[in-house]
Structures are given as structure tokens and as C-alpha cells.
């Protein structure tokens, strides 16, 4: 029996404007500023894909960062594969990187769920 899967070309990306081709449309800041770059560090940091990348600046808390509203593009009890390219720029030799899902239930209760 042959098992058919979904190829990358067929998969629907729930993230809009994932490579910032349309600037910062669909993205918002959470406790920081978002800046688009074509390079950083005198050309030492370049986009991994596409022409630009975004950085979160003026962060004061570890939860500050770039976010996107995905309501209406995800369903309960369905598994999703998540991938991202994240780089740390500066003097820190290492850093924790986290992806968090913010959920507001129908009773208005809020939850922050760590997904990566």
C-alpha cells in the first residue's frame, strides 16, 4: 500500500509573508522594534533565503520578539511542523531561543504554550 504525503510545494504555509518579501506586512512586534535588513555586521550577516531578514531590537525582556496572528489558519487537535532560521548577533556566545503559542479560549482565558 502506497502512503502519500504532502510535499513542500503542496503544503499550505500558515505564516503569511514568511521571508519578508512584502516588508513587515503580517508581522508585529511584542515589546520590541522590528527592523528589516539586507545585511548586518558590515556584510557578515546576510539573509539565508530571499533578499531581506528581520531583527528584533530594543528588547528588554526575554519574551520580546517578532510575532504573527495565525487565528483562522490553524485548527485544534491538528499537528503542525514548525521551522525557523534564527541567528544571534552580538557578543553573547549563546542564547535560548523559544517559540510560544498564545491562545485565548472562548472564555477569554489566556495561555502561553511553549512549542519550541
N, C-alpha and C. Protein backbone atom coordinates (compact mmCIF):
# COMPACT_ATOMS: atom_id res chain seq x y z
N UNK A 1 0.85 -1.18 0.00
CA UNK A 1 0.00 0.00 0.00
C UNK A 1 0.89 1.24 0.00
N UNK A 2 0.63 2.12 -0.90
CA UNK A 2 1.41 3.35 -1.02
C UNK A 2 0.85 4.42 -0.09
N UNK A 3 1.74 5.06 0.63
CA UNK A 3 1.33 6.16 1.51
C UNK A 3 1.74 7.45 0.83
N UNK A 4 0.78 8.33 0.64
CA UNK A 4 1.07 9.61 0.00
C UNK A 4 1.14 10.70 1.06
N UNK A 5 2.13 11.54 0.94
CA UNK A 5 2.29 12.66 1.86
C UNK A 5 2.13 13.97 1.12
N UNK A 6 2.22 15.01 1.84
CA UNK A 6 2.12 16.34 1.26
C UNK A 6 3.53 16.85 1.02
N UNK A 7 3.79 17.28 -0.19
CA UNK A 7 5.12 17.83 -0.49
C UNK A 7 5.18 19.28 -0.03
N UNK A 8 6.38 19.81 0.04
CA UNK A 8 6.54 21.21 0.45
C UNK A 8 5.78 22.15 -0.46
N UNK A 9 5.72 21.82 -1.76
CA UNK A 9 5.01 22.69 -2.70
C UNK A 9 3.51 22.69 -2.45
N UNK A 10 2.99 21.56 -1.95
CA UNK A 10 1.55 21.45 -1.72
C UNK A 10 1.14 21.95 -0.35
N UNK A 11 2.07 21.97 0.58
CA UNK A 11 1.75 22.35 1.96
C UNK A 11 1.36 23.82 2.02
N UNK A 12 0.35 24.09 2.80
CA UNK A 12 -0.08 25.47 2.98
C UNK A 12 0.68 26.06 4.16
N UNK A 13 1.38 27.12 3.93
CA UNK A 13 2.13 27.78 4.99
C UNK A 13 1.17 28.65 5.78
N UNK A 14 1.07 28.41 7.08
CA UNK A 14 0.16 29.22 7.90
C UNK A 14 0.76 30.58 8.23
N UNK A 15 2.05 30.74 8.00
CA UNK A 15 2.70 32.03 8.23
C UNK A 15 2.63 32.85 6.95
N UNK A 16 2.07 34.04 7.04
CA UNK A 16 2.00 34.94 5.89
C UNK A 16 3.30 35.73 5.78
N UNK A 17 3.74 35.95 4.55
CA UNK A 17 4.94 36.74 4.31
C UNK A 17 6.14 36.19 5.09
N UNK A 18 6.41 34.88 4.99
CA UNK A 18 7.44 34.27 5.84
C UNK A 18 8.87 34.75 5.57
N UNK A 19 9.14 35.23 4.37
CA UNK A 19 10.50 35.68 4.03
C UNK A 19 10.59 37.20 3.88
N UNK A 20 9.55 37.88 4.37
CA UNK A 20 9.54 39.35 4.40
C UNK A 20 9.62 39.97 3.01
N UNK A 21 9.14 39.24 1.97
CA UNK A 21 9.13 39.79 0.61
C UNK A 21 8.24 41.01 0.53
N UNK A 22 7.21 41.06 1.40
CA UNK A 22 6.26 42.17 1.42
C UNK A 22 6.53 43.06 2.64
N UNK A 23 7.80 43.27 2.93
CA UNK A 23 8.15 44.10 4.08
C UNK A 23 7.73 43.44 5.38
N UNK A 24 7.20 44.23 6.29
CA UNK A 24 6.78 43.72 7.60
C UNK A 24 5.28 43.44 7.65
N UNK A 25 4.61 43.46 6.49
CA UNK A 25 3.18 43.14 6.47
C UNK A 25 2.94 41.77 7.08
N UNK A 26 1.92 41.65 7.91
CA UNK A 26 1.51 40.44 8.63
C UNK A 26 2.34 40.19 9.89
N UNK A 27 3.38 40.95 10.13
CA UNK A 27 4.22 40.79 11.32
C UNK A 27 3.99 41.95 12.28
N UNK A 28 4.16 41.69 13.57
CA UNK A 28 4.07 42.77 14.56
C UNK A 28 5.10 42.52 15.65
N UNK A 29 5.34 43.56 16.42
CA UNK A 29 6.33 43.48 17.48
C UNK A 29 5.65 43.20 18.81
N UNK A 30 6.35 42.52 19.67
CA UNK A 30 5.86 42.27 21.02
C UNK A 30 6.95 42.73 21.99
N UNK A 31 6.83 43.98 22.44
CA UNK A 31 7.80 44.52 23.39
C UNK A 31 9.15 44.85 22.79
N UNK A 32 9.19 45.09 21.49
CA UNK A 32 10.47 45.40 20.84
C UNK A 32 10.18 46.19 19.57
N UNK A 33 11.21 46.47 18.81
CA UNK A 33 11.06 47.06 17.48
C UNK A 33 11.52 46.03 16.46
N UNK A 34 10.89 46.03 15.28
CA UNK A 34 11.29 45.13 14.20
C UNK A 34 11.95 45.98 13.12
N UNK A 35 13.09 45.51 12.65
CA UNK A 35 13.83 46.22 11.61
C UNK A 35 14.15 45.23 10.49
N UNK A 36 13.94 45.66 9.24
CA UNK A 36 14.34 44.84 8.09
C UNK A 36 15.76 45.18 7.69
N UNK A 37 16.52 44.16 7.30
CA UNK A 37 17.92 44.35 6.88
C UNK A 37 18.18 43.54 5.61
N UNK A 38 19.09 44.04 4.79
CA UNK A 38 19.61 43.19 3.71
C UNK A 38 20.96 42.62 4.13
N UNK A 39 21.57 43.21 5.17
CA UNK A 39 22.80 42.67 5.77
C UNK A 39 23.02 43.35 7.12
N UNK A 40 23.88 42.76 7.92
CA UNK A 40 24.29 43.35 9.20
C UNK A 40 25.77 43.06 9.41
N UNK A 41 26.37 43.76 10.34
CA UNK A 41 27.76 43.48 10.69
C UNK A 41 28.72 43.66 9.53
N UNK A 42 28.57 44.77 8.81
CA UNK A 42 29.44 45.06 7.66
C UNK A 42 29.42 43.94 6.63
N UNK A 43 28.22 43.38 6.40
CA UNK A 43 28.06 42.35 5.39
C UNK A 43 28.36 40.94 5.86
N UNK A 44 28.66 40.76 7.14
CA UNK A 44 28.95 39.42 7.66
C UNK A 44 27.69 38.60 7.89
N UNK A 45 26.56 39.27 8.10
CA UNK A 45 25.29 38.58 8.30
C UNK A 45 24.40 38.91 7.11
N UNK A 46 24.05 37.89 6.34
CA UNK A 46 23.22 38.05 5.14
C UNK A 46 21.98 37.19 5.26
N UNK A 47 20.93 37.47 4.48
CA UNK A 47 19.73 36.62 4.52
C UNK A 47 20.06 35.18 4.14
N UNK A 48 19.47 34.22 4.83
CA UNK A 48 19.65 32.81 4.47
C UNK A 48 18.86 32.49 3.21
N UNK A 49 17.69 33.12 3.07
CA UNK A 49 16.86 32.99 1.88
C UNK A 49 16.27 34.36 1.58
N UNK A 50 15.93 34.61 0.35
CA UNK A 50 15.32 35.89 0.00
C UNK A 50 16.31 37.03 0.02
N UNK A 51 15.77 38.25 0.01
CA UNK A 51 16.60 39.45 -0.09
C UNK A 51 16.79 40.17 1.23
N UNK A 52 15.89 39.94 2.19
CA UNK A 52 15.96 40.64 3.47
C UNK A 52 15.66 39.69 4.62
N UNK A 53 15.95 40.14 5.83
CA UNK A 53 15.58 39.42 7.04
C UNK A 53 15.18 40.46 8.08
N UNK A 54 14.52 40.00 9.13
CA UNK A 54 14.06 40.91 10.18
C UNK A 54 14.86 40.67 11.45
N UNK A 55 15.00 41.72 12.23
CA UNK A 55 15.62 41.57 13.55
C UNK A 55 14.74 42.25 14.58
N UNK A 56 14.78 41.71 15.79
CA UNK A 56 14.07 42.30 16.92
C UNK A 56 15.10 43.13 17.70
N UNK A 57 14.85 44.43 17.82
CA UNK A 57 15.78 45.31 18.52
C UNK A 57 15.08 45.93 19.73
N UNK A 58 15.85 46.54 20.59
CA UNK A 58 15.33 47.20 21.79
C UNK A 58 14.53 46.25 22.68
N UNK A 59 14.96 45.00 22.75
CA UNK A 59 14.31 44.02 23.63
C UNK A 59 14.75 44.28 25.06
N UNK A 60 13.80 44.24 26.00
CA UNK A 60 14.14 44.41 27.41
C UNK A 60 13.78 43.17 28.23
N UNK A 61 12.96 42.29 27.68
CA UNK A 61 12.54 41.06 28.35
C UNK A 61 12.80 39.88 27.42
N UNK A 62 12.96 38.68 27.98
CA UNK A 62 13.25 37.53 27.13
C UNK A 62 12.07 37.12 26.25
N UNK A 63 10.86 37.55 26.56
CA UNK A 63 9.69 37.21 25.75
C UNK A 63 9.46 38.21 24.62
N UNK A 64 10.22 39.28 24.55
CA UNK A 64 10.07 40.26 23.47
C UNK A 64 10.51 39.65 22.15
N UNK A 65 9.77 39.95 21.08
CA UNK A 65 10.18 39.43 19.78
C UNK A 65 9.16 39.71 18.70
N UNK A 66 9.36 39.04 17.59
CA UNK A 66 8.52 39.17 16.40
C UNK A 66 7.37 38.18 16.51
N UNK A 67 6.17 38.62 16.12
CA UNK A 67 5.01 37.73 16.22
C UNK A 67 4.10 37.88 15.01
N UNK A 68 3.22 36.87 14.87
CA UNK A 68 2.21 36.92 13.81
C UNK A 68 0.93 36.28 14.31
N UNK A 69 -0.19 36.91 14.02
CA UNK A 69 -1.52 36.39 14.34
C UNK A 69 -1.86 35.28 13.36
N UNK A 70 -2.15 34.06 13.86
CA UNK A 70 -2.46 32.94 12.97
C UNK A 70 -3.88 32.40 13.17
N UNK A 71 -4.70 33.15 13.91
CA UNK A 71 -6.09 32.74 14.12
C UNK A 71 -6.77 32.53 12.78
N UNK A 72 -7.50 31.44 12.65
CA UNK A 72 -8.21 31.14 11.41
C UNK A 72 -7.38 30.33 10.42
N UNK A 73 -6.08 30.19 10.69
CA UNK A 73 -5.22 29.40 9.81
C UNK A 73 -4.74 28.11 10.45
N UNK A 74 -5.12 27.89 11.71
CA UNK A 74 -4.79 26.66 12.41
C UNK A 74 -6.05 26.05 13.00
N UNK A 75 -5.98 24.76 13.27
CA UNK A 75 -7.12 24.05 13.84
C UNK A 75 -6.68 23.30 15.09
N UNK A 76 -7.60 23.17 16.03
CA UNK A 76 -7.34 22.40 17.24
C UNK A 76 -7.14 20.93 16.88
N UNK A 77 -6.32 20.27 17.68
CA UNK A 77 -6.07 18.83 17.57
C UNK A 77 -5.46 18.42 16.24
N UNK A 78 -4.75 19.33 15.62
CA UNK A 78 -4.04 19.05 14.38
C UNK A 78 -2.56 19.37 14.63
N UNK A 79 -1.68 18.49 14.18
CA UNK A 79 -0.25 18.70 14.38
C UNK A 79 0.31 19.55 13.24
N UNK A 80 1.21 20.44 13.58
CA UNK A 80 1.86 21.31 12.60
C UNK A 80 3.37 21.18 12.76
N UNK A 81 4.07 21.25 11.65
CA UNK A 81 5.52 21.27 11.69
C UNK A 81 5.97 22.73 11.66
N UNK A 82 6.88 23.06 12.55
CA UNK A 82 7.35 24.43 12.66
C UNK A 82 8.85 24.45 12.39
N UNK A 83 9.27 25.38 11.55
CA UNK A 83 10.71 25.56 11.34
C UNK A 83 11.00 27.05 11.21
N UNK A 84 12.18 27.43 11.63
CA UNK A 84 12.59 28.83 11.56
C UNK A 84 14.11 28.90 11.52
N UNK A 85 14.61 29.95 10.93
CA UNK A 85 16.04 30.23 10.97
C UNK A 85 16.22 31.41 11.92
N UNK A 86 16.98 31.19 12.99
CA UNK A 86 17.19 32.22 13.99
C UNK A 86 18.70 32.35 14.21
N UNK A 87 19.16 33.58 14.18
CA UNK A 87 20.58 33.84 14.44
C UNK A 87 20.71 34.89 15.53
N UNK A 88 21.72 34.74 16.34
CA UNK A 88 22.01 35.70 17.40
C UNK A 88 23.18 36.55 16.94
N UNK A 89 23.01 37.87 17.01
CA UNK A 89 24.06 38.79 16.56
C UNK A 89 24.49 39.63 17.75
N UNK A 90 25.76 39.64 18.03
CA UNK A 90 26.27 40.43 19.13
C UNK A 90 27.37 39.68 19.86
N UNK A 91 27.60 40.04 21.11
CA UNK A 91 28.71 39.49 21.87
C UNK A 91 28.36 38.25 22.67
N UNK A 92 27.10 37.86 22.73
CA UNK A 92 26.70 36.71 23.52
C UNK A 92 27.13 35.41 22.84
N UNK A 93 27.84 34.53 23.56
CA UNK A 93 28.27 33.27 22.95
C UNK A 93 27.13 32.28 22.74
N UNK A 94 26.04 32.43 23.50
CA UNK A 94 24.88 31.54 23.33
C UNK A 94 23.63 32.25 23.86
N UNK A 95 22.49 31.73 23.45
CA UNK A 95 21.22 32.31 23.91
C UNK A 95 20.12 31.28 23.75
N UNK A 96 19.11 31.34 24.61
CA UNK A 96 17.93 30.50 24.47
C UNK A 96 17.01 31.12 23.44
N UNK A 97 16.49 30.31 22.53
CA UNK A 97 15.53 30.77 21.53
C UNK A 97 14.26 29.96 21.75
N UNK A 98 13.13 30.65 21.85
CA UNK A 98 11.86 29.96 22.13
C UNK A 98 10.79 30.41 21.15
N UNK A 99 9.92 29.47 20.80
CA UNK A 99 8.70 29.78 20.04
C UNK A 99 7.53 29.51 20.98
N UNK A 100 6.62 30.47 21.07
CA UNK A 100 5.50 30.36 22.00
C UNK A 100 4.20 30.62 21.26
N UNK A 101 3.20 29.82 21.58
CA UNK A 101 1.87 29.98 21.02
C UNK A 101 0.99 30.64 22.08
N UNK A 102 0.41 31.79 21.75
CA UNK A 102 -0.52 32.46 22.66
C UNK A 102 -1.92 32.06 22.25
N UNK A 103 -2.67 31.51 23.20
CA UNK A 103 -4.03 31.03 22.93
C UNK A 103 -5.00 31.75 23.85
N UNK A 104 -6.09 32.23 23.26
CA UNK A 104 -7.16 32.80 24.06
C UNK A 104 -8.40 31.94 23.83
N UNK A 105 -8.86 31.28 24.90
CA UNK A 105 -10.01 30.39 24.80
C UNK A 105 -11.30 31.19 24.68
N UNK A 106 -12.38 30.49 24.36
CA UNK A 106 -13.68 31.16 24.21
C UNK A 106 -14.12 31.85 25.49
N UNK A 107 -13.64 31.37 26.64
CA UNK A 107 -13.97 32.02 27.92
C UNK A 107 -13.01 33.17 28.25
N UNK A 108 -12.20 33.59 27.24
CA UNK A 108 -11.24 34.70 27.34
C UNK A 108 -10.01 34.36 28.18
N UNK A 109 -9.88 33.10 28.62
CA UNK A 109 -8.69 32.69 29.37
C UNK A 109 -7.49 32.63 28.43
N UNK A 110 -6.37 33.22 28.85
CA UNK A 110 -5.16 33.24 28.02
C UNK A 110 -4.17 32.18 28.48
N UNK A 111 -3.49 31.57 27.51
CA UNK A 111 -2.46 30.59 27.79
C UNK A 111 -1.26 30.87 26.89
N UNK A 112 -0.08 30.69 27.43
CA UNK A 112 1.15 30.76 26.64
C UNK A 112 1.74 29.36 26.63
N UNK A 113 1.82 28.77 25.44
CA UNK A 113 2.27 27.39 25.30
C UNK A 113 3.60 27.38 24.57
N UNK A 114 4.63 26.90 25.23
CA UNK A 114 5.94 26.78 24.58
C UNK A 114 5.91 25.65 23.57
N UNK A 115 6.24 25.94 22.32
CA UNK A 115 6.21 24.90 21.29
C UNK A 115 7.60 24.55 20.78
N UNK A 116 8.57 25.36 21.06
CA UNK A 116 9.95 25.03 20.65
C UNK A 116 10.93 25.89 21.43
